[in-house]
Amino acid sequence: MRVNLLCMFTGNRAADDVQIYKRELRLALDAEAMGFDRVMAVEHHFTDYAFCPDNAQFLSYVAAKTSTIELFPAAFILPWNDPVRVAEKAVMLDHLSDGRVVLGLGRGLARVEFDAFRQSMAESRDRFDEAAAMVLDALETGFIQGDGPHYVQPRVEIRPRPFRSFRDRSYMVGTSPTSIDMAARLGLGAMKFAAAPWEYAVDEVNQYRANFTAHHGTTAPPLVTGDVMVCHRDDRRGEELARVHARNYFVSVLSHYELLSDHFKETLGSYAHYASMAEAMRGTSEEESFEGYLSANLWGDPARIIDQLAKRRELLGDFELGVAVNFGDIDFEQARSSMRLFAERVLPELKSWHTEATDAV
């Protein structure tokens, strides 16, 4: 089972931006020696929710300081980036790291980020679909081109040239059913962040796998799940810390994405899934929503976390894991301790879980 460190770059009231970046780099550079397979870095802009405006640049520093760990922009948000630049960044980072890049693509969700980039959220699905096809083709052929309607791109060569295929190392963040379906059609692995009890994702994941096989005649790669995590030697203390810091992060998710507002109804169907989700959440107490969120993520002592992941595997079949330890105003030394304990006591168990070809569960 592949296990990854997820760098989130969240604001912390006890640290300034300089400290936050030094801390994320410290965790990222520790990950290789601890046995993690990949460093994942999000793309977000402008707010305390998360601020990594160029995850390829961050990962290029990690590449220079490491030798084996893979580098996973998770993800390039295509409506906010020119497709040419995404292809160039992915290929250049691959050269700098001697082929250690894993491609991640996403379409974005926060109105504050779309507005700042002068983009219409209503166009995000069409922009993503158009740009993703261009980028994926460029990474295989070495040339990028497009004929609109959003990206009129003359045929041009990507330099430096791609030197190996990205076909089996490319993923898409898929929170909504339409995104998961697009991942299957494009032949991409799927990533889902822990947002609600995993029981609710079973049908969607099974449909993704069935669609992937229907389109490509092969078994879909394992789902990648992304969690916030507190691992503590004392199970009760681990839960206490998670209830504080996962709650802080959960509140920032609600605020950043405006998940309790009705603005998703205004995006001409592009975010219909989120409009329905927001309506359901407005009919539920914040406490009930948080308990569902907490149950989806990872916390407690190593034994509890292994048990949580074993139950997830029973639900979803084989999957790969990304864990964030630095989030929600957590003390940095606590975050490092959580990461070390997880690497020592949980990671060896997860590495023993052999991945099998997974059909619908």
Foldseek 3Di string as FASTA:
>chain_A
DAEEAEQFAAAAPVDDSVVSLVLSLVVLLVCVVLPHQAYEYEDDPDDRLHHDPDQLVVVLVSLVNDQGHAYEDQAAAQVLDDLLVLLLSQQVSCVSNVRRYFYEYEQDFFPVRCVVSVHALLCSVVRRLQSVVQSQVCLVPQWGAHCDPVDHGDIDGHPPGRPDHNLPRYEYEDPDLVRLLSCLLVNHAYEYEQQFACLVCQVSLQVSQVSNCVNPVAGRDAYEYEAEEQADQAFVVFVVVCVQQVVLSVVVVCVRNVLQDQCLVVSNPSPVVSNVSNVVVVVPDPVVSSVRSSLRHYTGHQVVRLVSVVVSCVRHPDHYYYYYQDGRNDDSVSSVVRVSRCSVRPVVVVVPDDHDRDHRD
